[in-house]
Amino acid sequence: MVHKGWHSRGYLPHFDSPEAIQFVTFRLADSLPRAVAESLAKQPDGLAAIDGGLDEGHGACWLRDPAVADLAQSVLLHFDGLRYRLLAWCIMPNHMHVVVEPRANQCLGAIVHSWKSFSANQANRMLARSGPFWHRDYFDRYIRDEGHLERTVDYIENNPVKAGLTPDAFKWQWSSRRLRP
């Protein structure tokens, strides 16, 4: 398996390395209108602005449907411990956050592609729809140290509280938070 290191598919830059724990965010195809996403990306802290825009709940929010959210969560958990190690995740109405450590013989891009491809096919079938389900690209950031990991996991697991979806992160059933003591 050849890891690509820093690379781009023409959109966002990505980092692929076997020793890197990664924070990954991917969103539904209709989660942000193109003009809004482009405008937010030009702001000084564009990624934070885009994430805030996602929390506003734009688009059809297919992941708000409990059956679709359950499906997405089961897709994440399916190869946990085999192809990667999941450290944290949260499924929001129109996007997902994941902290993942790929196994030495696995590439991050292939892992994310498998999550998106399988879940899109199954969700479209469940929703009796066709067409793009996920936005074509994803955001990833490698975790630099234990402090960064702790802050990132806290951010992910408290995202439903920050977005006003639940008063208690422990009660959000599509997150790793409910599984921690």
C-alpha atoms as a PDB file:
ATOM      1  CA  MET A   1       0.000   0.000   0.000  1.00  0.00           C
ATOM      2  CA  VAL A   2       1.465   3.338  -1.068  1.00  0.00           C
ATOM      3  CA  HIS A   3       0.377   6.282   1.064  1.00  0.00           C
ATOM      4  CA  LYS A   4       0.101   9.561  -0.803  1.00  0.00           C
ATOM      5  CA  GLY A   5       1.251  11.989   1.903  1.00  0.00           C
ATOM      6  CA  TRP A   6       0.044  15.506   1.008  1.00  0.00           C
ATOM      7  CA  HIS A   7      -2.114  15.451  -2.123  1.00  0.00           C
ATOM      8  CA  SER A   8      -5.173  17.011  -3.711  1.00  0.00           C
ATOM      9  CA  ARG A   9      -7.937  15.735  -5.945  1.00  0.00           C
ATOM     10  CA  GLY A  10      -8.453  19.247  -7.297  1.00  0.00           C
ATOM     11  CA  TYR A  11     -10.455  20.447  -4.302  1.00  0.00           C
ATOM     12  CA  LEU A  12      -9.212  20.357  -0.729  1.00  0.00           C
ATOM     13  CA  PRO A  13      -5.692  19.293   0.249  1.00  0.00           C
ATOM     14  CA  HIS A  14      -5.494  15.889   1.978  1.00  0.00           C
ATOM     15  CA  PHE A  15      -2.881  14.121   4.059  1.00  0.00           C
ATOM     16  CA  ASP A  16      -2.535  10.346   3.908  1.00  0.00           C
ATOM     17  CA  SER A  17      -0.027   8.599   6.150  1.00  0.00           C
ATOM     18  CA  PRO A  18      -0.196   5.280   8.011  1.00  0.00           C
ATOM     19  CA  GLU A  19       0.859   6.797  11.330  1.00  0.00           C
ATOM     20  CA  ALA A  20      -1.565   9.741  11.295  1.00  0.00           C
ATOM     21  CA  ILE A  21      -4.752   9.952  13.326  1.00  0.00           C
ATOM     22  CA  GLN A  22      -7.177  12.012  11.255  1.00  0.00           C
ATOM     23  CA  PHE A  23     -10.133  14.294  11.963  1.00  0.00           C
ATOM     24  CA  VAL A  24     -12.508  13.912   8.997  1.00  0.00           C
ATOM     25  CA  THR A  25     -15.680  15.836   8.163  1.00  0.00           C
ATOM     26  CA  PHE A  26     -17.918  15.067   5.222  1.00  0.00           C
ATOM     27  CA  ARG A  27     -21.256  16.570   4.355  1.00  0.00           C
ATOM     28  CA  LEU A  28     -24.390  15.853   2.360  1.00  0.00           C
ATOM     29  CA  ALA A  29     -24.469  17.033  -1.257  1.00  0.00           C
ATOM     30  CA  ASP A  30     -27.106  19.706  -0.581  1.00  0.00           C
ATOM     31  CA  SER A  31     -25.878  20.794   2.875  1.00  0.00           C
ATOM     32  CA  LEU A  32     -24.585  24.164   1.717  1.00  0.00           C
ATOM     33  CA  PRO A  33     -25.543  26.026  -1.446  1.00  0.00           C
ATOM     34  CA  ARG A  34     -22.438  26.524  -3.618  1.00  0.00           C
ATOM     35  CA  ALA A  35     -22.443  30.321  -3.225  1.00  0.00           C
ATOM     36  CA  VAL A  36     -22.665  30.010   0.577  1.00  0.00           C
ATOM     37  CA  ALA A  37     -19.843  27.428   0.737  1.00  0.00           C
ATOM     38  CA  GLU A  38     -17.607  29.567  -1.506  1.00  0.00           C
ATOM     39  CA  SER A  39     -18.325  32.700   0.514  1.00  0.00           C
ATOM     40  CA  LEU A  40     -17.653  30.987   3.835  1.00  0.00           C
ATOM     41  CA  ALA A  41     -14.432  29.417   2.518  1.00  0.00           C
ATOM     42  CA  LYS A  42     -13.066  32.914   1.760  1.00  0.00           C
ATOM     43  CA  GLN A  43     -13.428  34.037   5.375  1.00  0.00           C
ATOM     44  CA  PRO A  44     -10.265  34.116   7.529  1.00  0.00           C
ATOM     45  CA  ASP A  45     -11.361  31.001   9.439  1.00  0.00           C
ATOM     46  CA  GLY A  46     -13.284  29.495   6.532  1.00  0.00           C
ATOM     47  CA  LEU A  47     -13.384  25.930   7.823  1.00  0.00           C
ATOM     48  CA  ALA A  48     -14.918  27.019  11.122  1.00  0.00           C
ATOM     49  CA  ALA A  49     -17.411  29.171   9.224  1.00  0.00           C
ATOM     50  CA  ILE A  50     -18.394  26.246   6.996  1.00  0.00           C
ATOM     51  CA  ASP A  51     -18.853  24.015  10.031  1.00  0.00           C
ATOM     52  CA  GLY A  52     -21.040  26.681  11.641  1.00  0.00           C
ATOM     53  CA  GLY A  53     -23.036  26.858   8.413  1.00  0.00           C
ATOM     54  CA  LEU A  54     -23.524  23.099   8.508  1.00  0.00           C
ATOM     55  CA  ASP A  55     -24.839  23.304  12.065  1.00  0.00           C
ATOM     56  CA  GLU A  56     -27.572  25.654  10.821  1.00  0.00           C
ATOM     57  CA  GLY A  57     -29.141  22.621   9.109  1.00  0.00           C
ATOM     58  CA  HIS A  58     -29.226  23.576   5.425  1.00  0.00           C
ATOM     59  CA  GLY A  59     -30.501  21.098   2.862  1.00  0.00           C
ATOM     60  CA  ALA A  60     -32.718  18.058   3.169  1.00  0.00           C
ATOM     61  CA  CYS A  61     -30.844  16.827   6.282  1.00  0.00           C
ATOM     62  CA  TRP A  62     -31.380  13.161   5.399  1.00  0.00           C
ATOM     63  CA  LEU A  63     -29.271  12.126   8.406  1.00  0.00           C
ATOM     64  CA  ARG A  64     -32.008  13.548  10.656  1.00  0.00           C
ATOM     65  CA  ASP A  65     -34.033  10.436   9.792  1.00  0.00           C
ATOM     66  CA  PRO A  66     -33.166   7.944  12.579  1.00  0.00           C
ATOM     67  CA  ALA A  67     -33.038   5.018  10.143  1.00  0.00           C
ATOM     68  CA  VAL A  68     -30.553   6.837   7.891  1.00  0.00           C
ATOM     69  CA  ALA A  69     -28.465   7.962  10.886  1.00  0.00           C
ATOM     70  CA  ASP A  70     -28.449   4.366  12.198  1.00  0.00           C
ATOM     71  CA  LEU A  71     -27.294   3.194   8.778  1.00  0.00           C
ATOM     72  CA  ALA A  72     -24.487   5.769   8.673  1.00  0.00           C
ATOM     73  CA  GLN A  73     -23.341   4.824  12.165  1.00  0.00           C
ATOM     74  CA  SER A  74     -23.349   1.104  11.335  1.00  0.00           C
ATOM     75  CA  VAL A  75     -21.232   1.814   8.234  1.00  0.00           C
ATOM     76  CA  LEU A  76     -18.643   3.607  10.380  1.00  0.00           C
ATOM     77  CA  LEU A  77     -18.567   0.805  12.930  1.00  0.00           C
ATOM     78  CA  HIS A  78     -18.488  -2.076  10.419  1.00  0.00           C
ATOM     79  CA  PHE A  79     -14.695  -2.184   9.862  1.00  0.00           C
ATOM     80  CA  ASP A  80     -13.663  -0.606  13.186  1.00  0.00           C
ATOM     81  CA  GLY A  81     -10.725  -2.630  14.471  1.00  0.00           C
ATOM     82  CA  LEU A  82     -10.046  -4.213  11.062  1.00  0.00           C
ATOM     83  CA  ARG A  83      -9.297  -1.427   8.565  1.00  0.00           C
ATOM     84  CA  TYR A  84      -9.103   1.417  11.065  1.00  0.00           C
ATOM     85  CA  ARG A  85      -9.642   2.365  14.686  1.00  0.00           C
ATOM     86  CA  LEU A  86     -12.495   4.797  15.385  1.00  0.00           C
ATOM     87  CA  LEU A  87     -11.633   7.168  18.210  1.00  0.00           C
ATOM     88  CA  ALA A  88     -14.720   9.409  18.006  1.00  0.00           C
ATOM     89  CA  TRP A  89     -17.634  10.199  15.706  1.00  0.00           C
ATOM     90  CA  CYS A  90     -20.829  12.190  15.522  1.00  0.00           C
ATOM     91  CA  ILE A  91     -23.590  12.075  12.948  1.00  0.00           C
ATOM     92  CA  MET A  92     -25.354  15.384  12.514  1.00  0.00           C
ATOM     93  CA  PRO A  93     -28.430  16.054  10.325  1.00  0.00           C
ATOM     94  CA  ASN A  94     -26.372  17.061   7.268  1.00  0.00           C
ATOM     95  CA  HIS A  95     -22.770  16.057   8.018  1.00  0.00           C
ATOM     96  CA  MET A  96     -20.538  13.669   9.941  1.00  0.00           C
ATOM     97  CA  HIS A  97     -17.374  14.092  11.997  1.00  0.00           C
ATOM     98  CA  VAL A  98     -14.967  11.211  12.596  1.00  0.00           C
ATOM     99  CA  VAL A  99     -11.601  10.774  14.297  1.00  0.00           C
ATOM    100  CA  VAL A 100     -10.003   7.720  12.749  1.00  0.00           C
ATOM    101  CA  GLU A 101      -6.647   5.966  12.792  1.00  0.00           C
ATOM    102  CA  PRO A 102      -6.183   3.960   9.570  1.00  0.00           C
ATOM    103  CA  ARG A 103      -4.362   0.629   9.840  1.00  0.00           C
ATOM    104  CA  ALA A 104      -0.907   0.517   8.225  1.00  0.00           C
ATOM    105  CA  ASN A 105      -2.209  -1.088   5.023  1.00  0.00           C
ATOM    106  CA  GLN A 106      -5.204   1.263   4.587  1.00  0.00           C
ATOM    107  CA  CYS A 107      -5.423   4.704   2.947  1.00  0.00           C
ATOM    108  CA  LEU A 108      -7.670   7.385   4.404  1.00  0.00           C
ATOM    109  CA  GLY A 109      -9.156   8.216   0.995  1.00  0.00           C
ATOM    110  CA  ALA A 110     -10.180   4.594   0.429  1.00  0.00           C
ATOM    111  CA  ILE A 111     -11.735   4.390   3.891  1.00  0.00           C
ATOM    112  CA  VAL A 112     -13.776   7.577   3.413  1.00  0.00           C
ATOM    113  CA  HIS A 113     -14.764   6.486  -0.101  1.00  0.00           C
ATOM    114  CA  SER A 114     -16.076   3.163   1.234  1.00  0.00           C
ATOM    115  CA  TRP A 115     -18.087   4.920   3.983  1.00  0.00           C
ATOM    116  CA  LYS A 116     -19.596   7.383   1.527  1.00  0.00           C
ATOM    117  CA  SER A 117     -20.234   4.940  -1.306  1.00  0.00           C
ATOM    118  CA  PHE A 118     -21.938   2.223   0.720  1.00  0.00           C
ATOM    119  CA  SER A 119     -23.975   4.614   2.863  1.00  0.00           C
ATOM    120  CA  ALA A 120     -25.066   6.671  -0.183  1.00  0.00           C
ATOM    121  CA  ASN A 121     -26.320   3.609  -2.038  1.00  0.00           C
ATOM    122  CA  GLN A 122     -28.193   2.265   0.985  1.00  0.00           C
ATOM    123  CA  ALA A 123     -29.596   5.653   2.058  1.00  0.00           C
ATOM    124  CA  ASN A 124     -30.821   6.467  -1.449  1.00  0.00           C
ATOM    125  CA  ARG A 125     -32.589   3.110  -1.508  1.00  0.00           C
ATOM    126  CA  MET A 126     -34.149   3.760   1.931  1.00  0.00           C
ATOM    127  CA  LEU A 127     -35.256   7.252   0.916  1.00  0.00           C
ATOM    128  CA  ALA A 128     -36.536   6.124  -2.511  1.00  0.00           C
ATOM    129  CA  ARG A 129     -34.353   8.691  -4.226  1.00  0.00           C
ATOM    130  CA  SER A 130     -31.429   8.831  -6.635  1.00  0.00           C
ATOM    131  CA  GLY A 131     -28.627  11.264  -7.272  1.00  0.00           C
ATOM    132  CA  PRO A 132     -25.712  12.530  -5.226  1.00  0.00           C
ATOM    133  CA  PHE A 133     -26.040  11.911  -1.506  1.00  0.00           C
ATOM    134  CA  TRP A 134     -22.651  13.126  -0.218  1.00  0.00           C
ATOM    135  CA  HIS A 135     -20.686  16.185  -1.328  1.00  0.00           C
ATOM    136  CA  ARG A 136     -17.847  14.927  -3.525  1.00  0.00           C
ATOM    137  CA  ASP A 137     -14.970  15.948  -1.241  1.00  0.00           C
ATOM    138  CA  TYR A 138     -14.223  15.775   2.467  1.00  0.00           C
ATOM    139  CA  PHE A 139     -12.148  17.736   4.935  1.00  0.00           C
ATOM    140  CA  ASP A 140      -9.356  16.061   6.899  1.00  0.00           C
ATOM    141  CA  ARG A 141      -6.839  17.310   9.427  1.00  0.00           C
ATOM    142  CA  TYR A 142      -4.175  15.149  11.011  1.00  0.00           C
ATOM    143  CA  ILE A 143      -4.037  15.141  14.789  1.00  0.00           C
ATOM    144  CA  ARG A 144      -0.757  16.635  15.978  1.00  0.00           C
ATOM    145  CA  ASP A 145      -0.626  15.604  19.645  1.00  0.00           C
ATOM    146  CA  GLU A 146      -2.672  14.369  22.618  1.00  0.00           C
ATOM    147  CA  GLY A 147      -3.990  17.852  23.415  1.00  0.00           C
ATOM    148  CA  HIS A 148      -5.206  18.309  19.853  1.00  0.00           C
ATOM    149  CA  LEU A 149      -6.851  14.878  19.984  1.00  0.00           C
ATOM    150  CA  GLU A 150      -8.618  15.706  23.251  1.00  0.00           C
ATOM    151  CA  ARG A 151      -9.913  19.062  21.956  1.00  0.00           C
ATOM    152  CA  THR A 152     -11.065  17.494  18.677  1.00  0.00           C
ATOM    153  CA  VAL A 153     -12.940  14.629  20.367  1.00  0.00           C
ATOM    154  CA  ASP A 154     -14.582  17.118  22.737  1.00  0.00           C
ATOM    155  CA  TYR A 155     -15.592  19.322  19.798  1.00  0.00           C
ATOM    156  CA  ILE A 156     -17.052  16.385  17.842  1.00  0.00           C
ATOM    157  CA  GLU A 157     -18.961  14.840  20.719  1.00  0.00           C
ATOM    158  CA  ASN A 158     -20.404  18.172  21.847  1.00  0.00           C
ATOM    159  CA  ASN A 159     -21.420  19.276  18.351  1.00  0.00           C
ATOM    160  CA  PRO A 160     -25.092  18.221  18.829  1.00  0.00           C
ATOM    161  CA  VAL A 161     -25.291  20.332  22.008  1.00  0.00           C
ATOM    162  CA  LYS A 162     -23.684  23.341  20.312  1.00  0.00           C
ATOM    163  CA  ALA A 163     -26.119  22.988  17.383  1.00  0.00           C
ATOM    164  CA  GLY A 164     -29.128  22.850  19.761  1.00  0.00           C
ATOM    165  CA  LEU A 165     -30.096  19.262  18.873  1.00  0.00           C
ATOM    166  CA  THR A 166     -29.851  17.928  22.426  1.00  0.00           C
ATOM    167  CA  PRO A 167     -29.178  19.425  25.856  1.00  0.00           C
ATOM    168  CA  ASP A 168     -26.876  16.524  26.795  1.00  0.00           C
ATOM    169  CA  ALA A 169     -24.140  15.000  24.596  1.00  0.00           C
ATOM    170  CA  PHE A 170     -24.573  11.643  26.392  1.00  0.00           C
ATOM    171  CA  LYS A 171     -28.119  11.408  25.010  1.00  0.00           C
ATOM    172  CA  TRP A 172     -27.205  11.882  21.325  1.00  0.00           C
ATOM    173  CA  GLN A 173     -27.450   8.316  20.031  1.00  0.00           C
ATOM    174  CA  TRP A 174     -25.348   8.866  16.884  1.00  0.00           C
ATOM    175  CA  SER A 175     -22.109   9.720  18.630  1.00  0.00           C
ATOM    176  CA  SER A 176     -19.251   8.022  20.408  1.00  0.00           C
ATOM    177  CA  ARG A 177     -19.977  10.188  23.501  1.00  0.00           C
ATOM    178  CA  ARG A 178     -22.782   7.956  24.756  1.00  0.00           C
ATOM    179  CA  LEU A 179     -20.338   5.039  24.906  1.00  0.00           C
ATOM    180  CA  ARG A 180     -17.851   6.779  27.216  1.00  0.00           C
ATOM    181  CA  PRO A 181     -18.141   6.731  31.010  1.00  0.00           C
END
